[in-house]
Amino acid sequence: MPELPEVETTVRGLARFLEGERIVSVRVNRPDMRRPFPPDLVQAMTGATVSSLSRRAKYGLIHTDRDHALVFHLGMSGRWRIDPEDADKHDHLVLATREHVFALNDPRRFGSVDLLLAPELDAWPPFAALGPEPLGDALTAEHLREATQGRKQAIKLLLLDQRIVAGLGNIYVCEALWQAGINPRKAGGRVTMPQLRRLVPAIKDVLTRSIRDGGSTLRDFAQPDGNLGYFATRFHVYGREGEACHHEDGGTVRRIVQSGRSTWFCPVCQK
């Protein structure tokens, strides 16, 4: 599933070609993806000018001068294709400006598209329950202390809770916990403040580096221009079961399963 860096990369890639442009046509090629397309999508977006693009958690937002925002989620396999050479049967939504064509392609159809008025965004249920953005100033060690205090659930699972931190996914939680030297099985309430003060900059650093590298190309993800992100070549623990930890005094990377999801960590240097 595309995670926060992949969505941020997508939004930045689209913004280069779409921001400030007028949408001259909108075509919906099927009635639904994970849920039906908004019935007024074509009317609301045709003729609108894109004022800006942004990201919230793992959602991308295309804002227009009509005070609407097209909100998209890439699901498991979604991506935007810019000026595709050929039409594809999985291009479910196609936007066109005078200069470019933008096709939302999603073979598995786990993605979604919603249309909201700008004043409604913060109160929209998927956004209203979200915690702070991990790259923003609101994510602090003090916030994590308050959110995890007394909790017996593993810190890895708490970090995946979107109510605690918005947009963190499995890859980057594994990498951040390794960088901060925290065992993913440790109860959230037992993680110390010194550890949390290492964890917050580790989260921000891992995400920033992945965005810089264009995201992690796993399975279906590619950037809107078709280029592949290469942060996956820099993983320290994710997907490296049985390999040596990158710390000189580390051990062998292990994989465990937590609530049905794989976790990779070094049992020697993560305490």
C-alpha atoms as a PDB file:
ATOM      1  CA  MET A   1       0.000   0.000   0.000  1.00  0.00           C
ATOM      2  CA  PRO A   2       1.361   3.462  -0.844  1.00  0.00           C
ATOM      3  CA  GLU A   3       2.276   5.100   2.450  1.00  0.00           C
ATOM      4  CA  LEU A   4       2.747   8.735   3.415  1.00  0.00           C
ATOM      5  CA  PRO A   5       5.980   9.357   1.439  1.00  0.00           C
ATOM      6  CA  GLU A   6       4.448   7.789  -1.672  1.00  0.00           C
ATOM      7  CA  VAL A   7       1.346   9.980  -1.368  1.00  0.00           C
ATOM      8  CA  GLU A   8       3.474  13.072  -0.737  1.00  0.00           C
ATOM      9  CA  THR A   9       5.596  12.218  -3.779  1.00  0.00           C
ATOM     10  CA  THR A  10       2.426  11.783  -5.834  1.00  0.00           C
ATOM     11  CA  VAL A  11       1.001  15.125  -4.706  1.00  0.00           C
ATOM     12  CA  ARG A  12       4.250  16.939  -5.493  1.00  0.00           C
ATOM     13  CA  GLY A  13       4.464  15.261  -8.891  1.00  0.00           C
ATOM     14  CA  LEU A  14       0.907  16.242  -9.785  1.00  0.00           C
ATOM     15  CA  ALA A  15       1.389  19.802  -8.553  1.00  0.00           C
ATOM     16  CA  ARG A  16       4.169  20.412 -11.084  1.00  0.00           C
ATOM     17  CA  PHE A  17       1.701  19.983 -13.956  1.00  0.00           C
ATOM     18  CA  LEU A  18      -1.736  20.620 -12.435  1.00  0.00           C
ATOM     19  CA  GLU A  19      -1.463  23.576 -10.066  1.00  0.00           C
ATOM     20  CA  GLY A  20      -2.926  26.747 -11.563  1.00  0.00           C
ATOM     21  CA  GLU A  21      -4.395  24.881 -14.549  1.00  0.00           C
ATOM     22  CA  ARG A  22      -8.031  24.735 -15.632  1.00  0.00           C
ATOM     23  CA  ILE A  23      -9.603  21.299 -15.914  1.00  0.00           C
ATOM     24  CA  VAL A  24     -11.287  21.168 -19.317  1.00  0.00           C
ATOM     25  CA  SER A  25     -12.721  17.654 -19.086  1.00  0.00           C
ATOM     26  CA  VAL A  26     -13.466  14.946 -16.536  1.00  0.00           C
ATOM     27  CA  ARG A  27     -14.224  11.350 -17.452  1.00  0.00           C
ATOM     28  CA  VAL A  28     -15.338   8.611 -15.069  1.00  0.00           C
ATOM     29  CA  ASN A  29     -14.836   5.180 -16.628  1.00  0.00           C
ATOM     30  CA  ARG A  30     -16.664   3.074 -14.058  1.00  0.00           C
ATOM     31  CA  PRO A  31     -19.250   3.767 -11.346  1.00  0.00           C
ATOM     32  CA  ASP A  32     -17.026   3.010  -8.377  1.00  0.00           C
ATOM     33  CA  MET A  33     -13.695   2.067  -6.891  1.00  0.00           C
ATOM     34  CA  ARG A  34     -13.774   1.081  -3.210  1.00  0.00           C
ATOM     35  CA  ARG A  35     -16.995   3.111  -3.097  1.00  0.00           C
ATOM     36  CA  PRO A  36     -19.014   4.982  -5.745  1.00  0.00           C
ATOM     37  CA  PHE A  37     -17.633   8.106  -7.361  1.00  0.00           C
ATOM     38  CA  PRO A  38     -19.428  11.277  -6.182  1.00  0.00           C
ATOM     39  CA  PRO A  39     -22.443  11.873  -8.453  1.00  0.00           C
ATOM     40  CA  ASP A  40     -21.564  15.559  -8.943  1.00  0.00           C
ATOM     41  CA  LEU A  41     -17.840  14.974  -9.561  1.00  0.00           C
ATOM     42  CA  VAL A  42     -17.869  15.661 -13.314  1.00  0.00           C
ATOM     43  CA  GLN A  43     -19.979  18.805 -13.024  1.00  0.00           C
ATOM     44  CA  ALA A  44     -18.039  20.207 -10.062  1.00  0.00           C
ATOM     45  CA  MET A  45     -14.563  19.648 -11.511  1.00  0.00           C
ATOM     46  CA  THR A  46     -15.132  20.460 -15.201  1.00  0.00           C
ATOM     47  CA  GLY A  47     -14.069  24.058 -15.801  1.00  0.00           C
ATOM     48  CA  ALA A  48     -12.566  24.441 -12.321  1.00  0.00           C
ATOM     49  CA  THR A  49      -9.061  25.809 -11.847  1.00  0.00           C
ATOM     50  CA  VAL A  50      -6.728  23.911  -9.530  1.00  0.00           C
ATOM     51  CA  SER A  51      -5.627  26.344  -6.839  1.00  0.00           C
ATOM     52  CA  SER A  52      -3.325  24.003  -4.906  1.00  0.00           C
ATOM     53  CA  LEU A  53      -2.604  20.408  -3.934  1.00  0.00           C
ATOM     54  CA  SER A  54      -1.965  19.051  -0.464  1.00  0.00           C
ATOM     55  CA  ARG A  55      -1.791  15.870   1.586  1.00  0.00           C
ATOM     56  CA  ARG A  56      -3.483  14.766   4.811  1.00  0.00           C
ATOM     57  CA  ALA A  57      -2.226  11.474   6.240  1.00  0.00           C
ATOM     58  CA  LYS A  58      -2.397   9.062   3.267  1.00  0.00           C
ATOM     59  CA  TYR A  59      -4.921  11.149   1.318  1.00  0.00           C
ATOM     60  CA  GLY A  60      -4.123  13.542  -1.512  1.00  0.00           C
ATOM     61  CA  LEU A  61      -6.228  16.678  -2.047  1.00  0.00           C
ATOM     62  CA  ILE A  62      -6.763  18.661  -5.245  1.00  0.00           C
ATOM     63  CA  HIS A  63      -8.180  22.075  -4.268  1.00  0.00           C
ATOM     64  CA  THR A  64     -10.076  24.228  -6.785  1.00  0.00           C
ATOM     65  CA  ASP A  65     -11.246  27.819  -7.140  1.00  0.00           C
ATOM     66  CA  ARG A  66     -14.819  26.586  -6.664  1.00  0.00           C
ATOM     67  CA  ASP A  67     -14.108  25.857  -3.003  1.00  0.00           C
ATOM     68  CA  HIS A  68     -14.204  22.128  -3.704  1.00  0.00           C
ATOM     69  CA  ALA A  69     -11.493  19.597  -2.964  1.00  0.00           C
ATOM     70  CA  LEU A  70     -11.147  16.285  -4.757  1.00  0.00           C
ATOM     71  CA  VAL A  71      -9.837  13.899  -2.104  1.00  0.00           C
ATOM     72  CA  PHE A  72      -8.156  10.718  -3.339  1.00  0.00           C
ATOM     73  CA  HIS A  73      -6.768   7.643  -1.613  1.00  0.00           C
ATOM     74  CA  LEU A  74      -4.481   5.311  -3.576  1.00  0.00           C
ATOM     75  CA  GLY A  75      -5.610   2.178  -1.770  1.00  0.00           C
ATOM     76  CA  MET A  76      -3.397  -0.856  -2.362  1.00  0.00           C
ATOM     77  CA  SER A  77      -2.253  -0.287  -5.937  1.00  0.00           C
ATOM     78  CA  GLY A  78      -3.395   3.147  -7.088  1.00  0.00           C
ATOM     79  CA  ARG A  79      -1.298   5.762  -8.854  1.00  0.00           C
ATOM     80  CA  TRP A  80      -1.770   8.766 -11.103  1.00  0.00           C
ATOM     81  CA  ARG A  81      -0.406   8.544 -14.638  1.00  0.00           C
ATOM     82  CA  ILE A  82       0.503  11.788 -16.363  1.00  0.00           C
ATOM     83  CA  ASP A  83       0.100  11.878 -20.142  1.00  0.00           C
ATOM     84  CA  PRO A  84      -0.109   8.094 -20.527  1.00  0.00           C
ATOM     85  CA  GLU A  85       0.815   6.870 -23.989  1.00  0.00           C
ATOM     86  CA  ASP A  86      -2.099   4.451 -24.067  1.00  0.00           C
ATOM     87  CA  ALA A  87      -5.400   4.153 -22.272  1.00  0.00           C
ATOM     88  CA  ASP A  88      -5.575   1.397 -19.679  1.00  0.00           C
ATOM     89  CA  LYS A  89      -8.615  -0.529 -18.511  1.00  0.00           C
ATOM     90  CA  HIS A  90      -7.691   0.408 -14.936  1.00  0.00           C
ATOM     91  CA  ASP A  91      -7.764   4.172 -15.617  1.00  0.00           C
ATOM     92  CA  HIS A  92     -10.941   4.816 -13.644  1.00  0.00           C
ATOM     93  CA  LEU A  93     -10.873   8.627 -13.522  1.00  0.00           C
ATOM     94  CA  VAL A  94      -9.307  10.872 -16.172  1.00  0.00           C
ATOM     95  CA  LEU A  95      -8.801  14.626 -15.770  1.00  0.00           C
ATOM     96  CA  ALA A  96      -7.536  16.775 -18.637  1.00  0.00           C
ATOM     97  CA  THR A  97      -6.181  20.304 -18.880  1.00  0.00           C
ATOM     98  CA  ARG A  98      -5.242  21.999 -22.142  1.00  0.00           C
ATOM     99  CA  GLU A  99      -1.713  20.631 -21.834  1.00  0.00           C
ATOM    100  CA  HIS A 100      -1.888  17.341 -19.916  1.00  0.00           C
ATOM    101  CA  VAL A 101      -3.952  14.267 -19.109  1.00  0.00           C
ATOM    102  CA  PHE A 102      -4.069  12.766 -15.593  1.00  0.00           C
ATOM    103  CA  ALA A 103      -5.362   9.211 -15.190  1.00  0.00           C
ATOM    104  CA  LEU A 104      -6.076   7.646 -11.801  1.00  0.00           C
ATOM    105  CA  ASN A 105      -5.100   4.015 -12.320  1.00  0.00           C
ATOM    106  CA  ASP A 106      -6.004   1.370  -9.739  1.00  0.00           C
ATOM    107  CA  PRO A 107      -6.012  -2.318 -10.752  1.00  0.00           C
ATOM    108  CA  ARG A 108      -7.342  -3.558  -7.406  1.00  0.00           C
ATOM    109  CA  ARG A 109      -9.842  -0.726  -6.915  1.00  0.00           C
ATOM    110  CA  PHE A 110      -9.147  -0.303  -3.203  1.00  0.00           C
ATOM    111  CA  GLY A 111      -8.635   3.421  -3.731  1.00  0.00           C
ATOM    112  CA  SER A 112     -11.319   6.080  -3.404  1.00  0.00           C
ATOM    113  CA  VAL A 113     -12.326   9.526  -4.640  1.00  0.00           C
ATOM    114  CA  ASP A 114     -14.446  11.974  -2.657  1.00  0.00           C
ATOM    115  CA  LEU A 115     -15.583  15.523  -3.333  1.00  0.00           C
ATOM    116  CA  LEU A 116     -15.865  17.899  -0.394  1.00  0.00           C
ATOM    117  CA  LEU A 117     -16.407  21.584   0.201  1.00  0.00           C
ATOM    118  CA  ALA A 118     -13.335  23.219   1.732  1.00  0.00           C
ATOM    119  CA  PRO A 119     -15.099  24.207   4.998  1.00  0.00           C
ATOM    120  CA  GLU A 120     -16.129  20.558   5.491  1.00  0.00           C
ATOM    121  CA  LEU A 121     -12.652  19.052   5.278  1.00  0.00           C
ATOM    122  CA  ASP A 122     -11.657  19.165   8.946  1.00  0.00           C
ATOM    123  CA  ALA A 123     -14.987  17.687  10.046  1.00  0.00           C
ATOM    124  CA  TRP A 124     -15.009  14.910   7.418  1.00  0.00           C
ATOM    125  CA  PRO A 125     -15.000  11.670   9.493  1.00  0.00           C
ATOM    126  CA  PRO A 126     -11.777  10.194   8.016  1.00  0.00           C
ATOM    127  CA  PHE A 127      -9.964  13.458   8.849  1.00  0.00           C
ATOM    128  CA  ALA A 128     -11.688  14.396  12.110  1.00  0.00           C
ATOM    129  CA  ALA A 129     -10.256  11.411  13.990  1.00  0.00           C
ATOM    130  CA  LEU A 130      -6.677  11.784  12.745  1.00  0.00           C
ATOM    131  CA  GLY A 131      -3.762  12.565  15.008  1.00  0.00           C
ATOM    132  CA  PRO A 132      -1.050  15.109  14.165  1.00  0.00           C
ATOM    133  CA  GLU A 133       0.914  14.957  10.935  1.00  0.00           C
ATOM    134  CA  PRO A 134       4.266  13.265  11.590  1.00  0.00           C
ATOM    135  CA  LEU A 135       6.204  15.935   9.703  1.00  0.00           C
ATOM    136  CA  GLY A 136       4.509  18.809  11.516  1.00  0.00           C
ATOM    137  CA  ASP A 137       5.383  20.575  14.754  1.00  0.00           C
ATOM    138  CA  ALA A 138       2.457  18.972  16.612  1.00  0.00           C
ATOM    139  CA  LEU A 139       4.204  15.598  16.730  1.00  0.00           C
ATOM    140  CA  THR A 140       6.345  15.789  19.855  1.00  0.00           C
ATOM    141  CA  ALA A 141       7.659  13.409  22.480  1.00  0.00           C
ATOM    142  CA  GLU A 142       5.160  14.959  24.877  1.00  0.00           C
ATOM    143  CA  HIS A 143       2.274  14.142  22.528  1.00  0.00           C
ATOM    144  CA  LEU A 144       3.404  10.525  22.253  1.00  0.00           C
ATOM    145  CA  ARG A 145       3.835  10.300  26.027  1.00  0.00           C
ATOM    146  CA  GLU A 146       0.277  11.493  26.590  1.00  0.00           C
ATOM    147  CA  ALA A 147      -1.115   9.164  23.898  1.00  0.00           C
ATOM    148  CA  THR A 148       0.730   6.057  25.112  1.00  0.00           C
ATOM    149  CA  GLN A 149       0.835   6.565  28.874  1.00  0.00           C
ATOM    150  CA  GLY A 150      -0.378   3.479  30.691  1.00  0.00           C
ATOM    151  CA  ARG A 151      -0.966   1.587  27.440  1.00  0.00           C
ATOM    152  CA  LYS A 152      -0.037  -2.112  27.376  1.00  0.00           C
ATOM    153  CA  GLN A 153      -0.277  -2.393  23.601  1.00  0.00           C
ATOM    154  CA  ALA A 154       3.029  -2.659  21.728  1.00  0.00           C
ATOM    155  CA  ILE A 155       4.548   0.657  20.648  1.00  0.00           C
ATOM    156  CA  LYS A 156       4.674  -0.575  17.041  1.00  0.00           C
ATOM    157  CA  LEU A 157       0.906  -1.017  16.973  1.00  0.00           C
ATOM    158  CA  LEU A 158       0.241   2.279  18.721  1.00  0.00           C
ATOM    159  CA  LEU A 159       2.265   4.134  16.096  1.00  0.00           C
ATOM    160  CA  LEU A 160       0.108   2.558  13.398  1.00  0.00           C
ATOM    161  CA  ASP A 161      -3.012   3.945  15.094  1.00  0.00           C
ATOM    162  CA  GLN A 162      -4.002   6.902  12.909  1.00  0.00           C
ATOM    163  CA  ARG A 163      -5.626   8.585  15.933  1.00  0.00           C
ATOM    164  CA  ILE A 164      -2.170   8.881  17.516  1.00  0.00           C
ATOM    165  CA  VAL A 165      -0.117   9.812  14.448  1.00  0.00           C
ATOM    166  CA  ALA A 166      -1.636  10.458  11.024  1.00  0.00           C
ATOM    167  CA  GLY A 167      -0.307   8.580   8.040  1.00  0.00           C
ATOM    168  CA  LEU A 168       2.347   6.321   9.513  1.00  0.00           C
ATOM    169  CA  GLY A 169       2.490   2.880   7.897  1.00  0.00           C
ATOM    170  CA  ASN A 170       4.264  -0.390   8.507  1.00  0.00           C
ATOM    171  CA  ILE A 171       7.438   0.289   6.543  1.00  0.00           C
ATOM    172  CA  TYR A 172       8.296   3.587   8.175  1.00  0.00           C
ATOM    173  CA  VAL A 173       7.327   2.575  11.700  1.00  0.00           C
ATOM    174  CA  CYS A 174       9.708  -0.401  11.476  1.00  0.00           C
ATOM    175  CA  GLU A 175      12.493   1.824  10.181  1.00  0.00           C
ATOM    176  CA  ALA A 176      11.907   4.617  12.721  1.00  0.00           C
ATOM    177  CA  LEU A 177      11.841   2.223  15.684  1.00  0.00           C
ATOM    178  CA  TRP A 178      15.135   0.728  14.506  1.00  0.00           C
ATOM    179  CA  GLN A 179      16.676   4.182  14.154  1.00  0.00           C
ATOM    180  CA  ALA A 180      15.489   5.127  17.651  1.00  0.00           C
ATOM    181  CA  GLY A 181      16.651   1.819  19.157  1.00  0.00           C
ATOM    182  CA  ILE A 182      13.204   0.821  20.470  1.00  0.00           C
ATOM    183  CA  ASN A 183      11.929  -2.752  20.515  1.00  0.00           C
ATOM    184  CA  PRO A 184       8.623  -2.852  18.588  1.00  0.00           C
ATOM    185  CA  ARG A 185       7.178  -5.316  21.150  1.00  0.00           C
ATOM    186  CA  LYS A 186       7.675  -2.939  24.077  1.00  0.00           C
ATOM    187  CA  ALA A 187       4.461  -1.774  25.725  1.00  0.00           C
ATOM    188  CA  GLY A 188       3.727   1.827  24.803  1.00  0.00           C
ATOM    189  CA  GLY A 189       3.428   2.841  28.432  1.00  0.00           C
ATOM    190  CA  ARG A 190       6.930   1.521  29.147  1.00  0.00           C
ATOM    191  CA  VAL A 191       8.684   3.523  26.451  1.00  0.00           C
ATOM    192  CA  THR A 192      10.734   6.145  28.262  1.00  0.00           C
ATOM    193  CA  MET A 193      10.837   9.863  27.529  1.00  0.00           C
ATOM    194  CA  PRO A 194      14.470   9.654  26.340  1.00  0.00           C
ATOM    195  CA  GLN A 195      13.349   6.963  23.881  1.00  0.00           C
ATOM    196  CA  LEU A 196      10.399   9.065  22.723  1.00  0.00           C
ATOM    197  CA  ARG A 197      12.715  12.029  22.247  1.00  0.00           C
ATOM    198  CA  ARG A 198      14.783   9.830  19.915  1.00  0.00           C
ATOM    199  CA  LEU A 199      11.711   8.409  18.216  1.00  0.00           C
ATOM    200  CA  VAL A 200      10.137  11.677  17.060  1.00  0.00           C
ATOM    201  CA  PRO A 201      13.170  12.895  15.061  1.00  0.00           C
ATOM    202  CA  ALA A 202      13.663   9.341  13.776  1.00  0.00           C
ATOM    203  CA  ILE A 203      10.112   9.330  12.368  1.00  0.00           C
ATOM    204  CA  LYS A 204      10.629  12.703  10.729  1.00  0.00           C
ATOM    205  CA  ASP A 205      14.033  11.715   9.337  1.00  0.00           C
ATOM    206  CA  VAL A 206      12.862   8.408   7.845  1.00  0.00           C
ATOM    207  CA  LEU A 207       9.875  10.041   6.161  1.00  0.00           C
ATOM    208  CA  THR A 208      11.887  13.003   4.879  1.00  0.00           C
ATOM    209  CA  ARG A 209      14.539  10.756   3.370  1.00  0.00           C
ATOM    210  CA  SER A 210      11.936   8.554   1.713  1.00  0.00           C
ATOM    211  CA  ILE A 211      10.171  11.562   0.177  1.00  0.00           C
ATOM    212  CA  ARG A 212      13.516  12.798  -1.099  1.00  0.00           C
ATOM    213  CA  ASP A 213      14.137   9.401  -2.705  1.00  0.00           C
ATOM    214  CA  GLY A 214      10.715   9.282  -4.335  1.00  0.00           C
ATOM    215  CA  GLY A 215       9.171   6.793  -1.931  1.00  0.00           C
ATOM    216  CA  SER A 216       9.547   3.046  -1.705  1.00  0.00           C
ATOM    217  CA  THR A 217       8.736   1.064  -4.815  1.00  0.00           C
ATOM    218  CA  LEU A 218       7.015  -2.038  -3.492  1.00  0.00           C
ATOM    219  CA  ARG A 219       4.798  -4.009  -5.862  1.00  0.00           C
ATOM    220  CA  ASP A 220       2.652  -1.502  -7.751  1.00  0.00           C
ATOM    221  CA  PHE A 221       3.788   1.956  -6.673  1.00  0.00           C
ATOM    222  CA  ALA A 222       5.386   4.376  -9.129  1.00  0.00           C
ATOM    223  CA  GLN A 223       5.530   8.155  -9.204  1.00  0.00           C
ATOM    224  CA  PRO A 224       3.120  10.041 -11.507  1.00  0.00           C
ATOM    225  CA  ASP A 225       5.846  10.464 -14.141  1.00  0.00           C
ATOM    226  CA  GLY A 226       6.435   6.701 -14.132  1.00  0.00           C
ATOM    227  CA  ASN A 227       9.719   6.833 -12.234  1.00  0.00           C
ATOM    228  CA  LEU A 228      10.265   4.360  -9.416  1.00  0.00           C
ATOM    229  CA  GLY A 229      11.127   5.455  -5.895  1.00  0.00           C
ATOM    230  CA  TYR A 230      14.317   3.922  -4.548  1.00  0.00           C
ATOM    231  CA  PHE A 231      14.118   4.345  -0.769  1.00  0.00           C
ATOM    232  CA  ALA A 232      13.549   0.576  -0.581  1.00  0.00           C
ATOM    233  CA  THR A 233      17.244   0.160  -1.346  1.00  0.00           C
ATOM    234  CA  ARG A 234      18.006   1.971   1.940  1.00  0.00           C
ATOM    235  CA  PHE A 235      15.929  -0.141   4.342  1.00  0.00           C
ATOM    236  CA  HIS A 236      17.754  -1.049   7.547  1.00  0.00           C
ATOM    237  CA  VAL A 237      15.334  -3.711   8.806  1.00  0.00           C
ATOM    238  CA  TYR A 238      12.162  -3.826   6.705  1.00  0.00           C
ATOM    239  CA  GLY A 239      12.146  -7.007   4.618  1.00  0.00           C
ATOM    240  CA  ARG A 240      15.657  -7.995   5.778  1.00  0.00           C
ATOM    241  CA  GLU A 241      14.909 -11.077   7.908  1.00  0.00           C
ATOM    242  CA  GLY A 242      18.033 -13.146   8.539  1.00  0.00           C
ATOM    243  CA  GLU A 243      20.408 -10.396   7.395  1.00  0.00           C
ATOM    244  CA  ALA A 244      22.917  -8.551   9.544  1.00  0.00           C
ATOM    245  CA  CYS A 245      21.823  -5.378  11.325  1.00  0.00           C
ATOM    246  CA  HIS A 246      23.474  -2.286   9.877  1.00  0.00           C
ATOM    247  CA  HIS A 247      24.765  -1.286  13.310  1.00  0.00           C
ATOM    248  CA  GLU A 248      28.266  -2.611  13.937  1.00  0.00           C
ATOM    249  CA  ASP A 249      27.247  -3.999  17.311  1.00  0.00           C
ATOM    250  CA  GLY A 250      23.836  -5.198  16.095  1.00  0.00           C
ATOM    251  CA  GLY A 251      22.584  -8.727  15.603  1.00  0.00           C
ATOM    252  CA  THR A 252      20.520 -10.479  12.957  1.00  0.00           C
ATOM    253  CA  VAL A 253      17.294  -8.926  11.758  1.00  0.00           C
ATOM    254  CA  ARG A 254      14.211 -10.853  12.890  1.00  0.00           C
ATOM    255  CA  ARG A 255      10.660 -10.888  11.612  1.00  0.00           C
ATOM    256  CA  ILE A 256       7.680 -11.329  13.924  1.00  0.00           C
ATOM    257  CA  VAL A 257       3.944 -10.919  13.389  1.00  0.00           C
ATOM    258  CA  GLN A 258       2.000  -8.316  15.374  1.00  0.00           C
ATOM    259  CA  SER A 259      -1.768  -8.156  14.924  1.00  0.00           C
ATOM    260  CA  GLY A 260      -1.441  -9.901  11.592  1.00  0.00           C
ATOM    261  CA  ARG A 261       1.293  -7.643  10.213  1.00  0.00           C
ATOM    262  CA  SER A 262       4.982  -8.386   9.812  1.00  0.00           C
ATOM    263  CA  THR A 263       7.479  -6.470  11.912  1.00  0.00           C
ATOM    264  CA  TRP A 264      11.225  -6.465  11.278  1.00  0.00           C
ATOM    265  CA  PHE A 265      13.696  -5.425  13.991  1.00  0.00           C
ATOM    266  CA  CYS A 266      17.103  -6.093  15.503  1.00  0.00           C
ATOM    267  CA  PRO A 267      16.730  -7.844  18.890  1.00  0.00           C
ATOM    268  CA  VAL A 268      20.231  -6.737  19.908  1.00  0.00           C
ATOM    269  CA  CYS A 269      20.168  -2.983  19.378  1.00  0.00           C
ATOM    270  CA  GLN A 270      16.430  -2.344  19.853  1.00  0.00           C
ATOM    271  CA  LYS A 271      15.632  -2.433  23.590  1.00  0.00           C
END
